[in-house]
Amino acid sequence: MQKFNYQKSNKAAGKIYIGLDHGYGNIKTAHRVFQTGIECYDEEPIVSTNYVKYRDKYYVIGESHLVYQGNKTETDDFYILTLAGLAEEMKYRGLHEADVVLAVGLPLAWVKTQAAEWRNYLMREKELDFSFRKERYKVHLCGLEIFPQGLAAVHNQGSMPGMNMLVDIGNGTMSILEIHDGRPMENSISTEVFGVHQCMEKIQKEVSKHSGVEVPEMLIEPLLRNGIGDRTDAVAMTTKRIAENYTAEIMKKLIAHGYREELVHLYIIGGGGCLLQNFSDLTAKPEVTVITDICANAKGYEALAMMKQRMRG
């Protein structure tokens, strides 16, 4: 990780690199994580201080998750969340003003088709002046680098000899990539809408169907993240059944893409890894590595951006 150079004015000396992993469930920086919920208000919020003030609007952050949108540039949601992410990471580093190279990603199969639009969306303003949690931040965006999501998270896994497969299961999508002797296989790239949110929706619908009660995500999330433990109530048992079906479907998709337990080392990234740990036996197998650091992609983006810019001189 990069070393930070601070001045007494809380302005960085020289440009800094900030990696942002724009998930539908959470925004991740190298050191911070927050939920993607966003609500816009014309006036200052009454009880919340967790808001971005930008262009005379107030955006309360993190009270829910975003609904899957497909294209992240269709609304301003991810732009405002980017501001919040910059502020979170700068606050961690003791900064309120900086020249920033932003390092971000896209799902594997969408890098080619969406990178230009994603770049234009995030770089539409290079001089940013906004506040977050009533503290002012000034950012000069002096560059942007885009990398394949998931692949960035395994950049520090060594040479990766033999046959490897990477599966990145986020809130909205699941991406699969084969890596042979450290080389990503272009023709193996796959991204589909099969994220954790699809499992969550099925659980909510099933519980509502049988009990007539709408169960919020915040009550189901801990069960998916940690397992149901000793609980035997209807919500827990429904969660277990549907999560087991969901992880079984993941296994089918992996096998369809060439996964063989005896031949392939599997790397699992993203929130879906928790479900595989709690509701399948896949992660107990010897040739499976679960990358549990939720910030792994963001850290990878930063490291790769620094390497890329150094190579350019």
Protein backbone atom coordinates (compact mmCIF):
# COMPACT_ATOMS: atom_id res chain seq x y z
CA MET A 1 0.00 0.00 0.00
CA GLN A 2 1.09 3.55 -0.67
CA LYS A 3 2.52 5.74 2.07
CA PHE A 4 0.70 8.98 2.70
CA ASN A 5 2.46 12.33 2.76
CA TYR A 6 0.50 14.92 4.71
CA GLN A 7 0.91 18.64 5.25
CA LYS A 8 -0.39 20.59 8.24
CA SER A 9 -3.07 22.14 6.02
CA ASN A 10 -4.64 18.68 5.53
CA LYS A 11 -3.66 18.88 1.88
CA ALA A 12 -1.73 16.01 0.34
CA ALA A 13 1.78 16.76 -0.92
CA GLY A 14 1.70 15.38 -4.45
CA LYS A 15 -1.00 13.27 -6.05
CA ILE A 16 -2.56 10.34 -4.24
CA TYR A 17 -4.30 7.20 -5.49
CA ILE A 18 -7.75 6.24 -4.26
CA GLY A 19 -9.37 2.96 -5.25
CA LEU A 20 -13.16 2.73 -5.24
CA ASP A 21 -15.12 -0.49 -5.67
CA HIS A 22 -18.61 0.57 -6.76
CA GLY A 23 -20.83 -2.29 -5.64
CA TYR A 24 -24.62 -2.26 -5.59
CA GLY A 25 -24.58 -3.33 -1.96
CA ASN A 26 -21.59 -1.40 -0.66
CA ILE A 27 -19.01 1.14 -1.74
CA LYS A 28 -15.54 0.04 -0.73
CA THR A 29 -12.30 2.01 -0.51
CA ALA A 30 -9.01 0.55 0.66
CA HIS A 31 -9.99 1.29 4.28
CA ARG A 32 -13.70 2.09 4.39
CA VAL A 33 -17.02 0.38 3.58
CA PHE A 34 -20.51 1.87 3.51
CA GLN A 35 -23.92 0.93 2.13
CA THR A 36 -25.00 2.36 -1.22
CA GLY A 37 -28.40 3.73 -0.23
CA ILE A 38 -28.87 7.33 -1.34
CA GLU A 39 -31.74 9.78 -0.85
CA CYS A 40 -31.78 13.34 -2.19
CA TYR A 41 -33.27 16.29 -0.27
CA ASP A 42 -33.62 19.98 -1.07
CA GLU A 43 -33.08 20.94 2.56
CA GLU A 44 -30.59 19.86 5.19
CA PRO A 45 -31.61 16.53 6.80
CA ILE A 46 -33.12 16.78 10.28
CA VAL A 47 -31.56 13.77 12.02
CA SER A 48 -28.86 12.40 9.71
CA THR A 49 -25.38 13.86 9.48
CA ASN A 50 -24.23 11.17 7.05
CA TYR A 51 -24.86 13.18 3.92
CA VAL A 52 -23.08 14.72 0.96
CA LYS A 53 -23.84 18.35 0.20
CA TYR A 54 -23.24 18.99 -3.48
CA ARG A 55 -24.63 21.81 -5.62
CA ASP A 56 -27.23 22.91 -3.05
CA LYS A 57 -28.62 19.38 -2.69
CA TYR A 58 -28.31 17.05 0.28
CA TYR A 59 -27.75 13.32 -0.28
CA VAL A 60 -28.19 11.03 2.71
CA ILE A 61 -25.90 8.04 2.31
CA GLY A 62 -26.03 4.46 3.53
CA GLU A 63 -29.53 3.90 4.91
CA SER A 64 -30.24 1.06 2.44
CA HIS A 65 -28.83 -0.61 -0.69
CA LEU A 66 -29.29 0.52 -4.28
CA VAL A 67 -31.55 -1.52 -6.52
CA TYR A 68 -29.62 -3.18 -9.35
CA GLN A 69 -29.59 -0.81 -12.34
CA GLY A 70 -27.54 -2.62 -14.98
CA ASN A 71 -25.79 0.53 -16.20
CA LYS A 72 -24.33 2.57 -13.36
CA THR A 73 -24.24 5.76 -15.44
CA GLU A 74 -28.01 6.04 -15.94
CA THR A 75 -28.48 8.10 -12.76
CA ASP A 76 -26.31 10.36 -10.60
CA ASP A 77 -26.37 7.84 -7.73
CA PHE A 78 -22.90 6.42 -8.26
CA TYR A 79 -21.45 9.87 -8.91
CA ILE A 80 -22.61 11.09 -5.50
CA LEU A 81 -21.48 7.82 -3.92
CA THR A 82 -18.06 8.42 -5.49
CA LEU A 83 -17.88 11.77 -3.71
CA ALA A 84 -18.76 10.05 -0.43
CA GLY A 85 -16.12 7.39 -1.08
CA LEU A 86 -13.46 10.00 -1.78
CA ALA A 87 -14.35 11.80 1.44
CA GLU A 88 -14.33 8.58 3.50
CA GLU A 89 -10.87 7.60 2.31
CA MET A 90 -9.44 11.11 2.53
CA LYS A 91 -10.76 11.43 6.07
CA TYR A 92 -9.02 8.16 6.95
CA ARG A 93 -5.77 9.60 5.58
CA GLY A 94 -6.17 12.89 7.41
CA LEU A 95 -6.86 14.88 4.25
CA HIS A 96 -9.44 17.39 3.10
CA GLU A 97 -7.75 18.50 -0.11
CA ALA A 98 -5.82 16.45 -2.67
CA ASP A 99 -4.89 15.80 -6.28
CA VAL A 100 -6.37 12.36 -6.85
CA VAL A 101 -5.92 9.58 -9.37
CA LEU A 102 -9.15 7.61 -9.11
CA ALA A 103 -8.84 3.85 -9.62
CA VAL A 104 -12.07 1.95 -10.30
CA GLY A 105 -13.38 -1.21 -11.94
CA LEU A 106 -16.15 -2.80 -13.97
CA PRO A 107 -17.45 -6.38 -14.13
CA LEU A 108 -15.17 -8.51 -16.29
CA ALA A 109 -17.37 -8.88 -19.37
CA TRP A 110 -18.38 -5.21 -19.37
CA VAL A 111 -14.98 -3.53 -19.29
CA LYS A 112 -14.72 -3.19 -23.07
CA THR A 113 -18.29 -2.03 -23.66
CA GLN A 114 -18.76 0.30 -20.69
CA ALA A 115 -15.28 1.67 -19.89
CA ALA A 116 -15.50 4.82 -22.04
CA GLU A 117 -18.93 5.74 -20.67
CA TRP A 118 -17.81 4.99 -17.09
CA ARG A 119 -14.75 7.22 -17.57
CA ASN A 120 -16.80 10.13 -18.93
CA TYR A 121 -19.31 9.73 -16.10
CA LEU A 122 -16.73 9.83 -13.31
CA MET A 123 -14.50 12.48 -14.91
CA ARG A 124 -17.23 14.91 -15.95
CA GLU A 125 -15.86 17.35 -13.37
CA LYS A 126 -12.19 17.52 -12.49
CA GLU A 127 -12.48 20.20 -9.82
CA LEU A 128 -14.68 18.95 -6.98
CA ASP A 129 -15.79 21.04 -4.03
CA PHE A 130 -18.32 19.37 -1.72
CA SER A 131 -18.96 18.48 1.89
CA PHE A 132 -19.52 15.18 3.66
CA ARG A 133 -20.65 14.93 7.27
CA LYS A 134 -20.38 18.74 7.40
CA GLU A 135 -16.69 18.72 6.48
CA ARG A 136 -15.51 20.34 3.27
CA TYR A 137 -13.42 18.48 0.69
CA LYS A 138 -11.63 19.82 -2.38
CA VAL A 139 -10.45 17.32 -4.97
CA HIS A 140 -8.63 17.79 -8.25
CA LEU A 141 -9.15 14.63 -10.31
CA CYS A 142 -5.90 14.36 -12.22
CA GLY A 143 -6.47 10.90 -13.66
CA LEU A 144 -8.66 7.81 -13.77
CA GLU A 145 -7.77 4.16 -14.29
CA ILE A 146 -10.27 1.36 -14.94
CA PHE A 147 -9.54 -2.31 -14.24
CA PRO A 148 -11.42 -5.62 -14.45
CA GLN A 149 -13.35 -6.18 -11.23
CA GLY A 150 -12.29 -9.32 -9.41
CA LEU A 151 -9.00 -9.66 -11.25
CA ALA A 152 -7.69 -6.69 -9.27
CA ALA A 153 -8.42 -8.54 -6.03
CA VAL A 154 -6.02 -11.38 -6.87
CA HIS A 155 -3.16 -9.24 -8.17
CA ASN A 156 -1.12 -10.16 -5.08
CA GLN A 157 -1.76 -13.93 -5.19
CA GLY A 158 1.60 -14.71 -6.77
CA SER A 159 2.22 -16.43 -10.10
CA MET A 160 -0.95 -18.58 -9.90
CA PRO A 161 0.51 -21.61 -11.71
CA GLY A 162 -1.68 -24.23 -13.33
CA MET A 163 -5.40 -23.91 -13.94
CA ASN A 164 -7.24 -21.35 -11.84
CA MET A 165 -10.74 -19.94 -11.87
CA LEU A 166 -11.89 -16.66 -10.37
CA VAL A 167 -15.51 -16.07 -9.38
CA ASP A 168 -16.57 -12.64 -8.15
CA ILE A 169 -20.08 -12.71 -6.66
CA GLY A 170 -21.33 -9.24 -5.84
CA ASN A 171 -24.72 -7.89 -4.91
CA GLY A 172 -25.82 -7.51 -8.53
CA THR A 173 -23.63 -9.69 -10.73
CA MET A 174 -21.48 -12.81 -10.82
CA SER A 175 -18.34 -12.83 -12.98
CA ILE A 176 -16.17 -15.81 -13.89
CA LEU A 177 -12.65 -15.83 -15.35
CA GLU A 178 -10.14 -18.61 -16.00
CA ILE A 179 -6.46 -17.93 -15.29
CA HIS A 180 -3.90 -20.36 -16.74
CA ASP A 181 -0.34 -20.13 -15.41
CA GLY A 182 -1.00 -16.58 -14.28
CA ARG A 183 -2.50 -15.49 -17.61
CA PRO A 184 -6.18 -14.46 -17.75
CA MET A 185 -8.05 -16.23 -20.55
CA GLU A 186 -9.93 -13.67 -22.64
CA ASN A 187 -12.37 -16.21 -24.08
CA SER A 188 -13.43 -17.40 -20.61
CA ILE A 189 -14.85 -14.09 -19.39
CA SER A 190 -18.47 -14.25 -18.23
CA THR A 191 -20.69 -11.80 -16.34
CA GLU A 192 -24.35 -12.34 -15.55
CA VAL A 193 -27.01 -10.88 -13.29
CA PHE A 194 -26.86 -13.51 -10.55
CA GLY A 195 -25.71 -11.63 -7.48
CA VAL A 196 -26.61 -11.93 -3.81
CA HIS A 197 -29.52 -9.53 -4.27
CA GLN A 198 -31.30 -12.10 -6.43
CA CYS A 199 -31.09 -14.56 -3.54
CA MET A 200 -32.27 -11.91 -1.10
CA GLU A 201 -35.32 -11.09 -3.24
CA LYS A 202 -36.35 -14.74 -3.41
CA ILE A 203 -36.14 -15.05 0.37
CA GLN A 204 -38.23 -11.93 0.90
CA LYS A 205 -40.87 -13.04 -1.60
CA GLU A 206 -41.08 -16.53 -0.11
CA VAL A 207 -41.44 -15.24 3.45
CA SER A 208 -44.08 -12.73 2.37
CA LYS A 209 -45.96 -15.38 0.41
CA HIS A 210 -46.31 -17.72 3.39
CA SER A 211 -46.61 -15.26 6.28
CA GLY A 212 -47.89 -12.06 4.72
CA VAL A 213 -45.05 -10.20 6.46
CA GLU A 214 -42.56 -8.03 4.58
CA VAL A 215 -39.15 -8.79 6.09
CA PRO A 216 -36.55 -6.05 5.50
CA GLU A 217 -33.11 -6.85 4.13
CA MET A 218 -31.43 -5.79 7.37
CA LEU A 219 -32.97 -8.80 9.17
CA ILE A 220 -31.95 -11.30 6.49
CA GLU A 221 -28.44 -10.01 5.78
CA PRO A 222 -26.93 -11.31 9.07
CA LEU A 223 -28.31 -14.78 8.32
CA LEU A 224 -26.67 -14.81 4.89
CA ARG A 225 -23.43 -13.35 6.21
CA ASN A 226 -23.06 -15.52 9.33
CA GLY A 227 -25.39 -18.50 8.84
CA ILE A 228 -28.60 -19.26 10.73
CA GLY A 229 -26.92 -20.76 13.80
CA ASP A 230 -29.44 -22.45 16.11
CA ARG A 231 -32.46 -20.61 14.74
CA THR A 232 -35.39 -22.74 13.57
CA ASP A 233 -37.99 -20.02 12.92
CA ALA A 234 -39.67 -19.66 9.54
CA VAL A 235 -37.48 -16.78 8.34
CA ALA A 236 -34.27 -18.63 9.20
CA MET A 237 -35.39 -21.90 7.62
CA THR A 238 -36.61 -20.15 4.47
CA THR A 239 -33.29 -18.32 4.25
CA LYS A 240 -31.41 -21.61 4.61
CA ARG A 241 -33.42 -23.40 1.93
CA ILE A 242 -33.22 -20.65 -0.66
CA ALA A 243 -29.56 -19.86 0.06
CA GLU A 244 -28.68 -23.55 -0.37
CA ASN A 245 -30.53 -23.57 -3.71
CA TYR A 246 -28.72 -20.38 -4.74
CA THR A 247 -25.28 -21.78 -3.91
CA ALA A 248 -26.15 -25.01 -5.73
CA GLU A 249 -26.92 -22.91 -8.82
CA ILE A 250 -23.57 -21.17 -8.45
CA MET A 251 -21.89 -24.59 -8.46
CA LYS A 252 -23.75 -25.58 -11.62
CA LYS A 253 -22.60 -22.39 -13.34
CA LEU A 254 -18.99 -22.94 -12.27
CA ILE A 255 -19.04 -26.51 -13.57
CA ALA A 256 -20.58 -25.30 -16.84
CA HIS A 257 -17.62 -22.92 -17.17
CA GLY A 258 -15.10 -25.70 -16.66
CA TYR A 259 -14.59 -25.93 -12.91
CA ARG A 260 -13.33 -29.34 -11.80
CA GLU A 261 -12.45 -29.82 -8.15
CA GLU A 262 -9.47 -32.07 -8.86
CA LEU A 263 -7.98 -29.86 -11.59
CA VAL A 264 -8.74 -26.21 -10.85
CA HIS A 265 -7.84 -23.89 -7.99
CA LEU A 266 -10.87 -21.70 -7.33
CA TYR A 267 -10.66 -18.14 -5.99
CA ILE A 268 -13.88 -16.70 -4.55
CA ILE A 269 -14.35 -12.95 -4.15
CA GLY A 270 -17.27 -10.78 -3.09
CA GLY A 271 -20.22 -11.02 -0.75
CA GLY A 272 -21.35 -14.28 -2.31
CA GLY A 273 -18.38 -15.94 -0.65
CA CYS A 274 -20.21 -15.73 2.69
CA LEU A 275 -23.13 -17.68 1.27
CA LEU A 276 -20.83 -20.35 -0.13
CA GLN A 277 -19.15 -20.63 3.28
CA ASN A 278 -22.44 -20.90 5.19
CA PHE A 279 -24.69 -22.80 2.80
CA SER A 280 -22.43 -25.15 0.81
CA ASP A 281 -19.39 -27.34 1.32
CA LEU A 282 -17.43 -25.77 -1.54
CA THR A 283 -15.17 -23.54 0.55
CA ALA A 284 -14.01 -26.47 2.69
CA LYS A 285 -12.30 -28.07 -0.30
CA PRO A 286 -8.48 -27.84 -0.34
CA GLU A 287 -8.12 -26.13 -3.72
CA VAL A 288 -10.47 -23.25 -2.89
CA THR A 289 -9.34 -19.83 -1.66
CA VAL A 290 -11.89 -17.39 -0.28
CA ILE A 291 -10.66 -13.81 -0.32
CA THR A 292 -12.49 -12.48 2.72
CA ASP A 293 -11.19 -8.91 2.55
CA ILE A 294 -14.20 -6.94 1.30
CA CYS A 295 -11.82 -4.14 0.29
CA ALA A 296 -9.61 -6.39 -1.87
CA ASN A 297 -10.79 -4.95 -5.18
CA ALA A 298 -10.31 -1.35 -4.05
CA LYS A 299 -6.81 -2.13 -2.76
CA GLY A 300 -6.04 -3.90 -6.03
CA TYR A 301 -7.24 -0.95 -8.10
CA GLU A 302 -4.93 1.37 -6.16
CA ALA A 303 -1.90 -0.89 -6.52
CA LEU A 304 -2.49 -1.49 -10.23
CA ALA A 305 -3.05 2.22 -10.91
CA MET A 306 0.22 3.10 -9.20
CA MET A 307 2.05 0.45 -11.22
CA LYS A 308 0.46 1.61 -14.46
CA GLN A 309 1.32 5.27 -13.92
CA ARG A 310 4.89 4.40 -12.89
CA MET A 311 5.33 2.43 -16.11
CA ARG A 312 4.21 5.48 -18.06
CA GLY A 313 6.92 7.46 -16.32
